[in-house]
C-alpha atoms as a PDB file:
ATOM      1  CA  MET A   1     109.092 -71.315 121.732  1.00  0.00           C
ATOM      2  CA  SER A   2     111.585 -71.539 118.904  1.00  0.00           C
ATOM      3  CA  THR A   3     112.247 -69.256 115.955  1.00  0.00           C
ATOM      4  CA  LEU A   4     110.569 -69.992 112.631  1.00  0.00           C
ATOM      5  CA  GLY A   5     111.292 -68.762 109.151  1.00  0.00           C
ATOM      6  CA  PHE A   6     108.400 -67.545 107.020  1.00  0.00           C
ATOM      7  CA  LEU A   7     108.890 -66.756 103.334  1.00  0.00           C
ATOM      8  CA  GLY A   8     106.094 -65.194 101.304  1.00  0.00           C
ATOM      9  CA  ILE A   9     104.193 -62.358 102.976  1.00  0.00           C
ATOM     10  CA  GLY A  10     101.348 -62.098 100.503  1.00  0.00           C
ATOM     11  CA  ARG A  11      97.651 -62.108 101.317  1.00  0.00           C
ATOM     12  CA  MET A  12      97.817 -65.509 103.031  1.00  0.00           C
ATOM     13  CA  GLY A  13     101.182 -64.912 104.657  1.00  0.00           C
ATOM     14  CA  GLN A  14      99.958 -61.674 106.196  1.00  0.00           C
ATOM     15  CA  ALA A  15      97.089 -63.606 107.771  1.00  0.00           C
ATOM     16  CA  MET A  16      99.079 -66.645 108.904  1.00  0.00           C
ATOM     17  CA  ALA A  17     102.251 -65.108 110.304  1.00  0.00           C
ATOM     18  CA  PRO A  18     100.529 -63.134 113.103  1.00  0.00           C
ATOM     19  CA  ARG A  19      98.924 -66.370 114.313  1.00  0.00           C
ATOM     20  CA  LEU A  20     102.389 -67.829 114.848  1.00  0.00           C
ATOM     21  CA  ILE A  21     103.562 -64.726 116.716  1.00  0.00           C
ATOM     22  CA  GLU A  22     100.455 -64.924 118.929  1.00  0.00           C
ATOM     23  CA  ALA A  23     101.277 -68.594 119.594  1.00  0.00           C
ATOM     24  CA  GLY A  24     104.658 -67.531 120.967  1.00  0.00           C
ATOM     25  CA  PHE A  25     106.964 -68.227 118.043  1.00  0.00           C
ATOM     26  CA  LYS A  26     109.640 -65.765 117.060  1.00  0.00           C
ATOM     27  CA  LEU A  27     109.613 -65.131 113.325  1.00  0.00           C
ATOM     28  CA  VAL A  28     112.277 -64.271 110.807  1.00  0.00           C
ATOM     29  CA  ILE A  29     110.534 -63.359 107.568  1.00  0.00           C
ATOM     30  CA  TRP A  30     111.421 -62.725 103.951  1.00  0.00           C
ATOM     31  CA  ASN A  31     109.430 -61.333 101.061  1.00  0.00           C
ATOM     32  CA  ARG A  32     110.451 -60.144  97.625  1.00  0.00           C
ATOM     33  CA  SER A  33     108.773 -56.804  98.323  1.00  0.00           C
ATOM     34  CA  VAL A  34     110.095 -55.500 101.643  1.00  0.00           C
ATOM     35  CA  GLU A  35     107.119 -53.168 102.041  1.00  0.00           C
ATOM     36  CA  ALA A  36     104.841 -56.137 102.759  1.00  0.00           C
ATOM     37  CA  THR A  37     106.953 -57.040 105.816  1.00  0.00           C
ATOM     38  CA  ARG A  38     106.589 -53.704 107.662  1.00  0.00           C
ATOM     39  CA  GLU A  39     103.563 -54.578 109.787  1.00  0.00           C
ATOM     40  CA  LEU A  40     105.048 -57.883 110.916  1.00  0.00           C
ATOM     41  CA  GLN A  41     108.344 -56.191 111.651  1.00  0.00           C
ATOM     42  CA  GLN A  42     106.495 -53.793 113.943  1.00  0.00           C
ATOM     43  CA  ALA A  43     104.960 -56.845 115.643  1.00  0.00           C
ATOM     44  CA  GLY A  44     108.453 -58.142 116.422  1.00  0.00           C
ATOM     45  CA  ALA A  45     109.451 -60.202 113.387  1.00  0.00           C
ATOM     46  CA  LEU A  46     113.012 -59.997 112.103  1.00  0.00           C
ATOM     47  CA  VAL A  47     113.242 -59.265 108.370  1.00  0.00           C
ATOM     48  CA  ALA A  48     115.858 -61.274 106.444  1.00  0.00           C
ATOM     49  CA  SER A  49     117.609 -59.556 103.563  1.00  0.00           C
ATOM     50  CA  HIS A  50     117.692 -62.765 101.494  1.00  0.00           C
ATOM     51  CA  PRO A  51     116.279 -66.308 101.841  1.00  0.00           C
ATOM     52  CA  SER A  52     119.476 -68.001 103.013  1.00  0.00           C
ATOM     53  CA  GLU A  53     119.625 -65.681 106.031  1.00  0.00           C
ATOM     54  CA  ILE A  54     116.585 -67.507 107.412  1.00  0.00           C
ATOM     55  CA  TRP A  55     118.791 -70.445 108.435  1.00  0.00           C
ATOM     56  CA  GLU A  56     120.976 -68.206 110.611  1.00  0.00           C
ATOM     57  CA  HIS A  57     118.029 -67.970 113.000  1.00  0.00           C
ATOM     58  CA  ALA A  58     115.714 -70.933 112.388  1.00  0.00           C
ATOM     59  CA  ASP A  59     115.725 -74.671 111.678  1.00  0.00           C
ATOM     60  CA  ILE A  60     112.188 -74.716 110.253  1.00  0.00           C
ATOM     61  CA  ALA A  61     110.927 -72.488 107.459  1.00  0.00           C
ATOM     62  CA  ILE A  62     107.392 -72.108 106.153  1.00  0.00           C
ATOM     63  CA  THR A  63     107.043 -71.093 102.518  1.00  0.00           C
ATOM     64  CA  MET A  64     103.804 -69.601 101.200  1.00  0.00           C
ATOM     65  CA  LEU A  65     104.702 -68.438  97.698  1.00  0.00           C
ATOM     66  CA  ARG A  66     102.591 -67.729  94.629  1.00  0.00           C
ATOM     67  CA  ASP A  67     103.597 -70.703  92.487  1.00  0.00           C
ATOM     68  CA  SER A  68     106.264 -73.296  91.744  1.00  0.00           C
ATOM     69  CA  ALA A  69     108.419 -70.846  89.790  1.00  0.00           C
ATOM     70  CA  ALA A  70     108.486 -68.498  92.784  1.00  0.00           C
ATOM     71  CA  MET A  71     109.388 -71.409  95.055  1.00  0.00           C
ATOM     72  CA  MET A  72     112.261 -72.485  92.814  1.00  0.00           C
ATOM     73  CA  SER A  73     113.619 -68.934  92.703  1.00  0.00           C
ATOM     74  CA  VAL A  74     113.661 -68.819  96.511  1.00  0.00           C
ATOM     75  CA  LEU A  75     115.401 -72.189  96.789  1.00  0.00           C
ATOM     76  CA  GLU A  76     118.048 -71.723  94.113  1.00  0.00           C
ATOM     77  CA  GLY A  77     120.638 -69.060  93.449  1.00  0.00           C
ATOM     78  CA  PRO A  78     123.623 -67.768  95.436  1.00  0.00           C
ATOM     79  CA  LYS A  79     121.418 -66.486  98.283  1.00  0.00           C
ATOM     80  CA  GLY A  80     118.632 -69.067  98.061  1.00  0.00           C
ATOM     81  CA  LEU A  81     117.465 -71.300 100.884  1.00  0.00           C
ATOM     82  CA  LEU A  82     119.589 -74.149  99.527  1.00  0.00           C
ATOM     83  CA  SER A  83     122.710 -72.110  98.849  1.00  0.00           C
ATOM     84  CA  GLY A  84     124.540 -73.021 102.044  1.00  0.00           C
ATOM     85  CA  VAL A  85     124.749 -75.868 104.522  1.00  0.00           C
ATOM     86  CA  CYS A  86     121.185 -76.837 105.358  1.00  0.00           C
ATOM     87  CA  ASP A  87     121.459 -80.372 106.734  1.00  0.00           C
ATOM     88  CA  GLN A  88     118.347 -81.319 108.716  1.00  0.00           C
ATOM     89  CA  LYS A  89     116.714 -77.938 108.125  1.00  0.00           C
ATOM     90  CA  LEU A  90     113.020 -78.452 107.443  1.00  0.00           C
ATOM     91  CA  ILE A  91     110.973 -76.662 104.774  1.00  0.00           C
ATOM     92  CA  CYS A  92     107.211 -76.731 105.193  1.00  0.00           C
ATOM     93  CA  ASP A  93     105.770 -75.729 101.822  1.00  0.00           C
ATOM     94  CA  MET A  94     102.196 -74.503 102.296  1.00  0.00           C
ATOM     95  CA  ALA A  95     101.616 -73.151  98.800  1.00  0.00           C
ATOM     96  CA  THR A  96      99.667 -74.881  96.054  1.00  0.00           C
ATOM     97  CA  HIS A  97     101.664 -76.880  93.491  1.00  0.00           C
ATOM     98  CA  SER A  98     100.834 -79.706  91.161  1.00  0.00           C
ATOM     99  CA  PRO A  99     101.799 -83.049  92.729  1.00  0.00           C
ATOM    100  CA  ALA A 100     104.567 -83.478  90.136  1.00  0.00           C
ATOM    101  CA  ASP A 101     106.010 -80.057  90.964  1.00  0.00           C
ATOM    102  CA  SER A 102     105.790 -80.776  94.675  1.00  0.00           C
ATOM    103  CA  VAL A 103     107.732 -84.041  94.272  1.00  0.00           C
ATOM    104  CA  ARG A 104     110.307 -82.264  92.096  1.00  0.00           C
ATOM    105  CA  ILE A 105     110.746 -79.505  94.686  1.00  0.00           C
ATOM    106  CA  GLY A 106     110.994 -82.066  97.465  1.00  0.00           C
ATOM    107  CA  LYS A 107     113.752 -83.954  95.655  1.00  0.00           C
ATOM    108  CA  LEU A 108     115.717 -80.744  95.108  1.00  0.00           C
ATOM    109  CA  VAL A 109     115.406 -79.849  98.785  1.00  0.00           C
ATOM    110  CA  GLU A 110     116.361 -83.287 100.057  1.00  0.00           C
ATOM    111  CA  ASP A 111     119.289 -83.625  97.653  1.00  0.00           C
ATOM    112  CA  SER A 112     120.696 -80.553  99.423  1.00  0.00           C
ATOM    113  CA  GLY A 113     120.469 -82.256 102.823  1.00  0.00           C
ATOM    114  CA  ALA A 114     117.340 -80.460 104.052  1.00  0.00           C
ATOM    115  CA  ARG A 115     113.924 -82.043 104.684  1.00  0.00           C
ATOM    116  CA  TYR A 116     110.653 -81.200 102.924  1.00  0.00           C
ATOM    117  CA  VAL A 117     106.961 -81.516 103.710  1.00  0.00           C
ATOM    118  CA  ASP A 118     104.244 -80.340 101.359  1.00  0.00           C
ATOM    119  CA  ALA A 119     101.449 -78.907 103.487  1.00  0.00           C
ATOM    120  CA  PRO A 120      98.972 -76.967 101.346  1.00  0.00           C
ATOM    121  CA  VAL A 121      95.822 -75.693 102.985  1.00  0.00           C
ATOM    122  CA  GLY A 122      92.085 -75.585 102.585  1.00  0.00           C
ATOM    123  CA  GLY A 123      90.808 -72.090 103.335  1.00  0.00           C
ATOM    124  CA  THR A 124      91.574 -68.536 102.375  1.00  0.00           C
ATOM    125  CA  VAL A 125      92.339 -65.329 104.257  1.00  0.00           C
ATOM    126  CA  GLU A 126      89.662 -65.337 106.966  1.00  0.00           C
ATOM    127  CA  PRO A 127      90.253 -68.965 108.068  1.00  0.00           C
ATOM    128  CA  ALA A 128      93.985 -68.231 108.006  1.00  0.00           C
ATOM    129  CA  ARG A 129      93.468 -65.186 110.219  1.00  0.00           C
ATOM    130  CA  THR A 130      91.416 -67.139 112.766  1.00  0.00           C
ATOM    131  CA  GLY A 131      93.456 -70.355 112.753  1.00  0.00           C
ATOM    132  CA  ASN A 132      90.806 -72.404 110.965  1.00  0.00           C
ATOM    133  CA  LEU A 133      92.708 -73.709 107.978  1.00  0.00           C
ATOM    134  CA  VAL A 134      92.676 -77.390 107.084  1.00  0.00           C
ATOM    135  CA  VAL A 135      96.181 -78.666 106.340  1.00  0.00           C
ATOM    136  CA  PHE A 136      97.066 -81.619 104.079  1.00  0.00           C
ATOM    137  CA  THR A 137     100.577 -82.914 104.766  1.00  0.00           C
ATOM    138  CA  GLY A 138     102.796 -85.112 102.626  1.00  0.00           C
ATOM    139  CA  GLY A 139     106.163 -86.264 103.891  1.00  0.00           C
ATOM    140  CA  ARG A 140     108.034 -88.435 106.363  1.00  0.00           C
ATOM    141  CA  PRO A 141     106.126 -89.122 109.616  1.00  0.00           C
ATOM    142  CA  GLU A 142     108.988 -87.791 111.735  1.00  0.00           C
ATOM    143  CA  ASP A 143     109.050 -84.501 109.810  1.00  0.00           C
ATOM    144  CA  ILE A 144     105.285 -84.081 110.067  1.00  0.00           C
ATOM    145  CA  LYS A 145     105.512 -84.762 113.814  1.00  0.00           C
ATOM    146  CA  ARG A 146     108.208 -82.092 114.063  1.00  0.00           C
ATOM    147  CA  LEU A 147     105.848 -79.613 112.364  1.00  0.00           C
ATOM    148  CA  ARG A 148     102.721 -80.328 114.379  1.00  0.00           C
ATOM    149  CA  SER A 149     103.260 -77.603 116.990  1.00  0.00           C
ATOM    150  CA  VAL A 150     103.857 -75.137 114.147  1.00  0.00           C
ATOM    151  CA  LEU A 151     100.763 -76.111 112.170  1.00  0.00           C
ATOM    152  CA  GLU A 152      98.337 -76.325 115.080  1.00  0.00           C
ATOM    153  CA  PRO A 153      97.998 -72.535 115.636  1.00  0.00           C
ATOM    154  CA  LEU A 154      97.132 -72.165 111.944  1.00  0.00           C
ATOM    155  CA  SER A 155      94.569 -74.919 111.604  1.00  0.00           C
ATOM    156  CA  ARG A 156      91.476 -76.619 112.923  1.00  0.00           C
ATOM    157  CA  GLN A 157      92.511 -79.963 111.445  1.00  0.00           C
ATOM    158  CA  ILE A 158      95.673 -81.549 110.063  1.00  0.00           C
ATOM    159  CA  PHE A 159      95.411 -84.536 107.731  1.00  0.00           C
ATOM    160  CA  ASP A 160      98.475 -86.724 107.196  1.00  0.00           C
ATOM    161  CA  MET A 161      98.078 -87.791 103.550  1.00  0.00           C
ATOM    162  CA  GLY A 162     101.211 -89.973 103.416  1.00  0.00           C
ATOM    163  CA  ARG A 163     104.265 -89.540 101.232  1.00  0.00           C
ATOM    164  CA  GLN A 164     105.620 -86.358  99.665  1.00  0.00           C
ATOM    165  CA  GLY A 165     103.307 -85.004  96.987  1.00  0.00           C
ATOM    166  CA  ASN A 166     100.167 -86.457  98.551  1.00  0.00           C
ATOM    167  CA  GLY A 167      99.335 -83.188 100.284  1.00  0.00           C
ATOM    168  CA  ALA A 168      99.513 -81.484  96.904  1.00  0.00           C
ATOM    169  CA  THR A 169      97.288 -84.177  95.389  1.00  0.00           C
ATOM    170  CA  MET A 170      94.669 -83.588  98.081  1.00  0.00           C
ATOM    171  CA  LYS A 171      94.789 -79.857  97.402  1.00  0.00           C
ATOM    172  CA  ILE A 172      94.311 -80.492  93.659  1.00  0.00           C
ATOM    173  CA  ILE A 173      91.229 -82.605  94.433  1.00  0.00           C
ATOM    174  CA  MET A 174      89.805 -79.915  96.718  1.00  0.00           C
ATOM    175  CA  ASN A 175      90.442 -77.164  94.170  1.00  0.00           C
ATOM    176  CA  LEU A 176      88.786 -79.174  91.411  1.00  0.00           C
ATOM    177  CA  VAL A 177      85.637 -79.768  93.454  1.00  0.00           C
ATOM    178  CA  LEU A 178      85.399 -76.196  94.766  1.00  0.00           C
ATOM    179  CA  THR A 179      86.034 -74.466  91.453  1.00  0.00           C
ATOM    180  CA  VAL A 180      83.426 -76.559  89.641  1.00  0.00           C
ATOM    181  CA  TYR A 181      81.070 -75.679  92.503  1.00  0.00           C
ATOM    182  CA  TRP A 182      81.614 -71.908  92.244  1.00  0.00           C
ATOM    183  CA  GLU A 183      81.136 -72.029  88.487  1.00  0.00           C
ATOM    184  CA  ALA A 184      77.906 -73.992  88.996  1.00  0.00           C
ATOM    185  CA  VAL A 185      76.654 -71.428  91.531  1.00  0.00           C
ATOM    186  CA  ALA A 186      77.521 -68.621  89.096  1.00  0.00           C
ATOM    187  CA  GLU A 187      75.617 -70.320  86.284  1.00  0.00           C
ATOM    188  CA  GLY A 188      72.678 -71.017  88.590  1.00  0.00           C
ATOM    189  CA  LEU A 189      72.455 -67.342  89.561  1.00  0.00           C
ATOM    190  CA  SER A 190      72.548 -66.422  85.876  1.00  0.00           C
ATOM    191  CA  VAL A 191      69.536 -68.672  85.339  1.00  0.00           C
ATOM    192  CA  ALA A 192      67.843 -66.933  88.273  1.00  0.00           C
ATOM    193  CA  LYS A 193      68.469 -63.482  86.863  1.00  0.00           C
ATOM    194  CA  GLY A 194      67.403 -64.487  83.357  1.00  0.00           C
ATOM    195  CA  SER A 195      64.197 -65.968  84.752  1.00  0.00           C
ATOM    196  CA  GLY A 196      63.362 -62.960  86.897  1.00  0.00           C
ATOM    197  CA  LEU A 197      64.056 -64.617  90.250  1.00  0.00           C
ATOM    198  CA  ASP A 198      65.592 -62.577  93.060  1.00  0.00           C
ATOM    199  CA  PRO A 199      69.225 -63.836  93.425  1.00  0.00           C
ATOM    200  CA  ALA A 200      69.105 -63.141  97.176  1.00  0.00           C
ATOM    201  CA  LEU A 201      66.034 -65.331  97.527  1.00  0.00           C
ATOM    202  CA  VAL A 202      67.672 -68.028  95.420  1.00  0.00           C
ATOM    203  CA  LEU A 203      70.663 -68.041  97.797  1.00  0.00           C
ATOM    204  CA  ASP A 204      68.282 -68.186 100.781  1.00  0.00           C
ATOM    205  CA  VAL A 205      66.773 -71.325  99.284  1.00  0.00           C
ATOM    206  CA  LEU A 206      70.105 -72.910  98.299  1.00  0.00           C
ATOM    207  CA  GLU A 207      71.431 -72.396 101.820  1.00  0.00           C
ATOM    208  CA  GLN A 208      68.631 -74.645 103.131  1.00  0.00           C
ATOM    209  CA  THR A 209      69.303 -77.435 100.650  1.00  0.00           C
ATOM    210  CA  PRO A 210      72.042 -80.021 100.000  1.00  0.00           C
ATOM    211  CA  ALA A 211      73.388 -77.603  97.356  1.00  0.00           C
ATOM    212  CA  ALA A 212      74.912 -75.415 100.075  1.00  0.00           C
ATOM    213  CA  LEU A 213      78.539 -76.130 100.907  1.00  0.00           C
ATOM    214  CA  PRO A 214      79.634 -74.646 104.259  1.00  0.00           C
ATOM    215  CA  VAL A 215      81.497 -71.876 102.401  1.00  0.00           C
ATOM    216  CA  LEU A 216      78.392 -70.605 100.587  1.00  0.00           C
ATOM    217  CA  PRO A 217      76.957 -68.266 103.273  1.00  0.00           C
ATOM    218  CA  GLY A 218      80.328 -66.573 103.724  1.00  0.00           C
ATOM    219  CA  LYS A 219      80.430 -65.676 100.034  1.00  0.00           C
ATOM    220  CA  ARG A 220      76.860 -64.345  99.934  1.00  0.00           C
ATOM    221  CA  ASP A 221      77.703 -60.621  99.647  1.00  0.00           C
ATOM    222  CA  LEU A 222      80.278 -61.349  96.961  1.00  0.00           C
ATOM    223  CA  LEU A 223      77.829 -63.464  94.995  1.00  0.00           C
ATOM    224  CA  LEU A 224      75.246 -60.669  95.184  1.00  0.00           C
ATOM    225  CA  ASP A 225      77.858 -58.070  94.151  1.00  0.00           C
ATOM    226  CA  ILE A 226      77.454 -56.196  97.432  1.00  0.00           C
ATOM    227  CA  SER A 227      81.066 -56.689  98.546  1.00  0.00           C
ATOM    228  CA  ASP A 228      84.390 -56.423  96.703  1.00  0.00           C
ATOM    229  CA  ASP A 229      86.488 -58.209  99.330  1.00  0.00           C
ATOM    230  CA  VAL A 230      88.998 -60.690  97.955  1.00  0.00           C
ATOM    231  CA  GLY A 231      89.713 -64.001  99.639  1.00  0.00           C
ATOM    232  CA  PHE A 232      91.188 -65.811  96.643  1.00  0.00           C
ATOM    233  CA  ASP A 233      91.311 -64.108  93.284  1.00  0.00           C
ATOM    234  CA  ILE A 234      90.316 -65.543  89.922  1.00  0.00           C
ATOM    235  CA  ASN A 235      93.902 -65.298  88.626  1.00  0.00           C
ATOM    236  CA  GLY A 236      94.922 -67.632  91.440  1.00  0.00           C
ATOM    237  CA  VAL A 237      92.035 -69.961  90.655  1.00  0.00           C
ATOM    238  CA  ARG A 238      93.130 -70.079  87.021  1.00  0.00           C
ATOM    239  CA  LYS A 239      96.666 -70.976  88.098  1.00  0.00           C
ATOM    240  CA  ASP A 240      95.347 -73.737  90.340  1.00  0.00           C
ATOM    241  CA  MET A 241      93.055 -75.112  87.636  1.00  0.00           C
ATOM    242  CA  GLN A 242      96.032 -75.264  85.276  1.00  0.00           C
ATOM    243  CA  ALA A 243      97.704 -77.497  87.878  1.00  0.00           C
ATOM    244  CA  VAL A 244      94.540 -79.604  88.016  1.00  0.00           C
ATOM    245  CA  MET A 245      94.546 -80.035  84.244  1.00  0.00           C
ATOM    246  CA  ARG A 246      98.253 -80.966  84.160  1.00  0.00           C
ATOM    247  CA  THR A 247      97.670 -83.575  86.847  1.00  0.00           C
ATOM    248  CA  LEU A 248      94.681 -85.057  85.026  1.00  0.00           C
ATOM    249  CA  ALA A 249      96.726 -85.265  81.821  1.00  0.00           C
ATOM    250  CA  GLU A 250      99.616 -86.971  83.637  1.00  0.00           C
ATOM    251  CA  LEU A 251      97.193 -89.527  85.092  1.00  0.00           C
ATOM    252  CA  GLY A 252      95.391 -90.043  81.786  1.00  0.00           C
ATOM    253  CA  ILE A 253      92.035 -89.174  83.356  1.00  0.00           C
ATOM    254  CA  SER A 254      89.165 -87.685  81.373  1.00  0.00           C
ATOM    255  CA  ALA A 255      87.388 -84.977  83.386  1.00  0.00           C
ATOM    256  CA  PRO A 256      84.933 -82.986  81.256  1.00  0.00           C
ATOM    257  CA  ALA A 257      83.611 -80.894  84.153  1.00  0.00           C
ATOM    258  CA  ALA A 258      87.149 -79.896  85.107  1.00  0.00           C
ATOM    259  CA  ALA A 259      88.025 -79.046  81.499  1.00  0.00           C
ATOM    260  CA  SER A 260      84.988 -76.845  80.930  1.00  0.00           C
ATOM    261  CA  THR A 261      85.464 -75.135  84.307  1.00  0.00           C
ATOM    262  CA  HIS A 262      89.124 -74.496  83.522  1.00  0.00           C
ATOM    263  CA  ASP A 263      88.094 -72.796  80.270  1.00  0.00           C
ATOM    264  CA  ALA A 264      85.371 -70.778  82.017  1.00  0.00           C
ATOM    265  CA  VAL A 265      87.739 -69.562  84.735  1.00  0.00           C
ATOM    266  CA  SER A 266      90.441 -68.697  82.177  1.00  0.00           C
ATOM    267  CA  ASP A 267      87.927 -66.623  80.226  1.00  0.00           C
ATOM    268  CA  ALA A 268      86.808 -64.848  83.409  1.00  0.00           C
ATOM    269  CA  ALA A 269      90.401 -64.043  84.404  1.00  0.00           C
ATOM    270  CA  SER A 270      90.887 -62.317  81.025  1.00  0.00           C
ATOM    271  CA  PHE A 271      87.621 -60.350  81.140  1.00  0.00           C
ATOM    272  CA  MET A 272      87.961 -56.691  82.162  1.00  0.00           C
ATOM    273  CA  ASP A 273      89.529 -56.665  85.668  1.00  0.00           C
ATOM    274  CA  TYR A 274      87.965 -59.905  86.853  1.00  0.00           C
ATOM    275  CA  GLY A 275      91.306 -61.658  87.317  1.00  0.00           C
ATOM    276  CA  THR A 276      91.880 -59.652  90.505  1.00  0.00           C
ATOM    277  CA  LYS A 277      88.379 -60.295  91.895  1.00  0.00           C
ATOM    278  CA  ASP A 278      87.332 -63.018  94.320  1.00  0.00           C
ATOM    279  CA  VAL A 279      86.324 -66.386  92.872  1.00  0.00           C
ATOM    280  CA  ALA A 280      82.717 -65.744  93.917  1.00  0.00           C
ATOM    281  CA  LYS A 281      82.676 -62.919  91.370  1.00  0.00           C
ATOM    282  CA  LEU A 282      82.316 -65.594  88.715  1.00  0.00           C
ATOM    283  CA  ALA A 283      78.632 -64.918  89.363  1.00  0.00           C
ATOM    284  CA  SER A 284      78.756 -61.252  88.361  1.00  0.00           C
ATOM    285  CA  TYR A 285      81.064 -62.165  85.454  1.00  0.00           C
ATOM    286  CA  ARG A 286      78.433 -64.560  84.098  1.00  0.00           C
ATOM    287  CA  GLN A 287      75.783 -61.876  84.400  1.00  0.00           C
ATOM    288  CA  LYS A 288      77.978 -59.225  82.779  1.00  0.00           C
ATOM    289  CA  LEU A 289      78.416 -61.492  79.786  1.00  0.00           C
ATOM    290  CA  ILE A 290      74.709 -61.104  79.114  1.00  0.00           C
ATOM    291  CA  THR A 291      75.021 -57.322  78.695  1.00  0.00           C
ATOM    292  CA  GLU A 292      78.732 -56.807  77.954  1.00  0.00           C
ATOM    293  CA  PRO A 293      79.917 -59.886  76.039  1.00  0.00           C
ATOM    294  CA  ASP A 294      82.951 -58.138  74.513  1.00  0.00           C
ATOM    295  CA  GLY A 295      84.201 -56.876  77.882  1.00  0.00           C
ATOM    296  CA  THR A 296      84.009 -53.235  76.771  1.00  0.00           C
ATOM    297  CA  GLY A 297      80.565 -52.338  77.993  1.00  0.00           C
ATOM    298  CA  ASN A 298      79.345 -51.929  74.435  1.00  0.00           C
ATOM    299  CA  GLY A 299      77.315 -55.176  74.311  1.00  0.00           C
END
């Protein structure tokens, strides 16, 4: 197996990178905070001191960074991925960007001589850890073919969405649908609590109806405020919904459910410490608003 670069060892990167090592790839990794790379280094990964060093060892690099600004900072600059000769190097960008940002990043990469595929994913930490992500690719067919052996250990399905930016568009659509869903579940559980229904029983019922997406049972303990695990935090959801709203504005599409959900998520991210909690904690946020509407606990 060949050597791969992997930039961005955050929550998702820490789950994905070991899958690639288990599949037989050698990894050279980079992260802004070196501390996050220690465990992978112990597993055999080489730690690069700066992004451009990745190309000394690998021809393909996966990026899984927080946002478009972080991606641009890794690409540009005297020690960025694009700072040297990078002809025919291939960047597989698995983070979430707006389609416009993804196309802009792709143009910057390809103007430097490298190749670019946007390949955002459906799924959070646990699917990443078990190789059950769903990948949406956008790029040239030959580049996507070149990436298939890299993406297969990470995913249960890979969808070729067409040209650059289309993977990002698919991710925007998925995020819109899912975030509206989690807000609806949160509001439904608020109705349950206000009406004196047992939230656990309500979830039992929902799970047997068409209202249950496959992800619902896995979020049960979070929805009932039994667990504090974090798969994808509300700050990240807010960032993604901002990308949704920018895309809708660019397309001239009216989307009232998206707009109200964006506002609801933004409010939740600013309430107490909810920004760092899992998206399913929108349920407990809604219920806290009943007793602590000012976020201070004073009612």
